[in-house]
N, C-alpha and C. Protein backbone atom coordinates (compact mmCIF):
# COMPACT_ATOMS: atom_id res chain seq x y z
N MET A 1 1.10 -1.20 0.14
CA MET A 1 0.08 -0.14 0.01
C MET A 1 0.61 1.52 -0.06
N ALA A 2 0.73 2.09 -0.97
CA ALA A 2 1.51 3.54 -0.96
C ALA A 2 1.20 4.08 0.28
N TYR A 3 2.71 5.02 0.32
CA TYR A 3 2.46 5.87 1.73
C TYR A 3 1.32 7.05 1.40
N VAL A 4 1.54 7.76 2.56
CA VAL A 4 0.71 9.19 2.43
C VAL A 4 1.40 10.16 3.31
N ILE A 5 0.90 11.47 3.30
CA ILE A 5 1.72 12.22 4.09
C ILE A 5 0.36 12.48 4.95
N SER A 6 0.16 12.57 6.03
CA SER A 6 -0.83 13.47 7.43
C SER A 6 -0.65 14.66 7.16
N ASP A 7 -1.67 14.90 7.97
CA ASP A 7 -1.57 16.77 8.38
C ASP A 7 -0.14 17.10 9.37
N GLU A 8 0.64 16.14 9.65
CA GLU A 8 1.23 16.48 10.60
C GLU A 8 2.39 17.30 9.68
N CYS A 9 2.18 16.98 8.54
CA CYS A 9 3.27 17.61 7.76
C CYS A 9 3.59 19.30 8.02
N ILE A 10 4.88 19.43 8.00
CA ILE A 10 5.68 20.55 8.17
C ILE A 10 6.04 20.93 7.10
N SER A 11 5.74 20.36 6.38
CA SER A 11 6.22 21.04 4.53
C SER A 11 8.01 21.28 4.38
N CYS A 12 8.41 20.73 5.37
CA CYS A 12 10.29 21.03 5.23
C CYS A 12 10.79 20.49 3.74
N GLY A 13 10.36 19.13 3.08
CA GLY A 13 10.85 18.65 2.12
C GLY A 13 11.72 17.92 2.30
N ALA A 14 11.98 17.61 3.36
CA ALA A 14 13.38 16.26 3.55
C ALA A 14 12.87 15.20 2.59
N CYS A 15 11.43 14.91 2.62
CA CYS A 15 10.53 13.31 2.13
C CYS A 15 11.01 13.27 0.52
N ALA A 16 10.99 14.84 0.15
CA ALA A 16 10.73 15.21 -1.77
C ALA A 16 12.18 14.78 -1.67
N GLY A 17 13.38 14.58 -1.31
CA GLY A 17 14.78 14.57 -1.79
C GLY A 17 15.15 13.11 -1.36
N GLU A 18 14.54 12.85 -0.13
CA GLU A 18 14.89 11.19 -0.52
C GLU A 18 14.17 10.28 -1.52
N CYS A 19 12.85 10.49 -1.76
CA CYS A 19 12.02 9.61 -2.71
C CYS A 19 12.77 8.89 -4.14
N PRO A 20 13.03 8.05 -4.25
CA PRO A 20 14.01 7.70 -5.40
C PRO A 20 12.80 7.68 -6.90
N VAL A 21 11.71 7.53 -6.54
CA VAL A 21 11.43 7.88 -8.20
C VAL A 21 10.18 9.10 -7.79
N GLU A 22 10.44 10.11 -7.06
CA GLU A 22 10.00 11.56 -7.17
C GLU A 22 8.72 11.28 -7.47
N ALA A 23 8.30 10.60 -6.53
CA ALA A 23 6.82 10.78 -6.13
C ALA A 23 6.24 11.33 -5.36
N ILE A 24 6.83 12.27 -4.67
CA ILE A 24 6.23 13.44 -3.51
C ILE A 24 6.91 14.76 -4.31
N SER A 25 6.03 15.73 -3.85
CA SER A 25 5.47 16.80 -4.56
C SER A 25 5.07 17.95 -3.43
N GLU A 26 5.02 19.14 -3.75
CA GLU A 26 4.98 20.00 -2.63
C GLU A 26 3.50 20.48 -3.05
N GLY A 27 2.47 20.11 -1.85
CA GLY A 27 1.04 19.82 -2.14
C GLY A 27 0.48 21.33 -1.56
N ASP A 28 -1.00 21.71 -1.65
CA ASP A 28 -1.32 22.91 -0.59
C ASP A 28 -1.07 23.08 0.33
N GLY A 29 -0.21 23.40 1.24
CA GLY A 29 0.09 23.01 2.72
C GLY A 29 0.98 22.07 3.26
N LYS A 30 0.91 21.27 2.75
CA LYS A 30 1.49 19.98 3.17
C LYS A 30 2.07 19.25 1.66
N TYR A 31 3.06 18.56 1.59
CA TYR A 31 3.64 17.54 0.74
C TYR A 31 2.55 16.56 0.13
N VAL A 32 2.75 16.02 -1.03
CA VAL A 32 1.83 14.93 -1.29
C VAL A 32 2.50 13.69 -2.05
N ILE A 33 2.06 12.50 -1.62
CA ILE A 33 2.60 11.38 -2.68
C ILE A 33 1.63 11.25 -3.81
N ASN A 34 2.13 10.86 -4.61
CA ASN A 34 1.19 10.48 -5.80
C ASN A 34 1.62 8.81 -5.60
N ALA A 35 0.55 8.17 -5.20
CA ALA A 35 0.13 6.49 -5.08
C ALA A 35 0.83 5.95 -6.12
N ASP A 36 0.31 6.40 -7.87
CA ASP A 36 1.01 5.66 -8.76
C ASP A 36 2.17 5.67 -8.53
N LEU A 37 3.48 6.84 -8.43
CA LEU A 37 4.49 6.47 -8.37
C LEU A 37 5.00 5.57 -7.52
N CYS A 38 4.52 5.68 -6.19
CA CYS A 38 4.85 5.15 -4.84
C CYS A 38 5.34 4.05 -5.04
N THR A 39 6.88 3.48 -4.58
CA THR A 39 7.03 2.22 -4.48
C THR A 39 7.16 1.13 -3.06
N GLU A 40 6.65 1.77 -2.27
CA GLU A 40 6.24 1.79 -0.90
C GLU A 40 8.02 1.26 -0.10
N CYS A 41 9.48 1.92 -0.54
CA CYS A 41 10.44 2.02 0.00
C CYS A 41 10.42 2.64 1.45
N GLY A 42 9.74 2.93 1.66
CA GLY A 42 9.76 3.73 3.16
C GLY A 42 10.66 5.04 3.06
N SER A 43 11.74 5.10 2.28
CA SER A 43 12.95 6.28 2.44
C SER A 43 12.02 7.68 2.98
N CYS A 44 10.79 7.50 2.12
CA CYS A 44 10.38 9.13 3.42
C CYS A 44 9.97 9.13 4.43
N ALA A 45 9.52 8.18 5.48
CA ALA A 45 9.02 8.27 6.30
C ALA A 45 10.76 7.95 7.20
N SER A 46 11.66 7.81 6.84
CA SER A 46 12.43 7.23 7.63
C SER A 46 13.59 8.78 7.98
N VAL A 47 12.90 9.44 6.89
CA VAL A 47 14.21 10.86 6.83
C VAL A 47 12.62 12.09 7.64
N CYS A 48 11.60 12.17 7.94
CA CYS A 48 10.51 13.00 8.22
C CYS A 48 11.20 13.45 9.62
N PRO A 49 11.05 14.34 10.02
CA PRO A 49 11.13 14.45 11.07
C PRO A 49 9.98 14.73 12.36
N VAL A 50 8.73 14.89 11.84
CA VAL A 50 7.32 14.86 12.46
C VAL A 50 6.83 13.46 12.04
N GLY A 51 7.35 12.20 11.19
CA GLY A 51 6.80 11.05 11.38
C GLY A 51 5.25 10.98 10.54
N ALA A 52 5.15 11.99 9.47
CA ALA A 52 4.05 12.43 8.51
C ALA A 52 3.77 11.06 7.36
N PRO A 53 4.74 10.64 6.60
CA PRO A 53 4.58 9.99 6.06
C PRO A 53 3.93 8.04 6.66
N THR A 54 3.21 7.65 6.53
CA THR A 54 2.82 6.44 6.56
C THR A 54 2.32 5.98 5.87
N GLN A 55 2.04 4.04 6.13
CA GLN A 55 1.42 3.36 4.93
C GLN A 55 0.13 3.45 4.92
N GLY A 56 -0.36 3.91 3.64
CA GLY A 56 -1.70 3.88 3.44
C GLY A 56 -2.66 3.12 3.42
């Protein structure tokens, strides 16, 4: 199941830089993950300072 970013996101961008398939982009007030591109690797979750990315 693809990762999703919760409302806990502080828009720091750390997750976007770690995504190997560039599935993460800046959304309206928080970053978002394109579920069609997400490979469920967990790289985003491992670098997020607030734990916003979780498996949806």
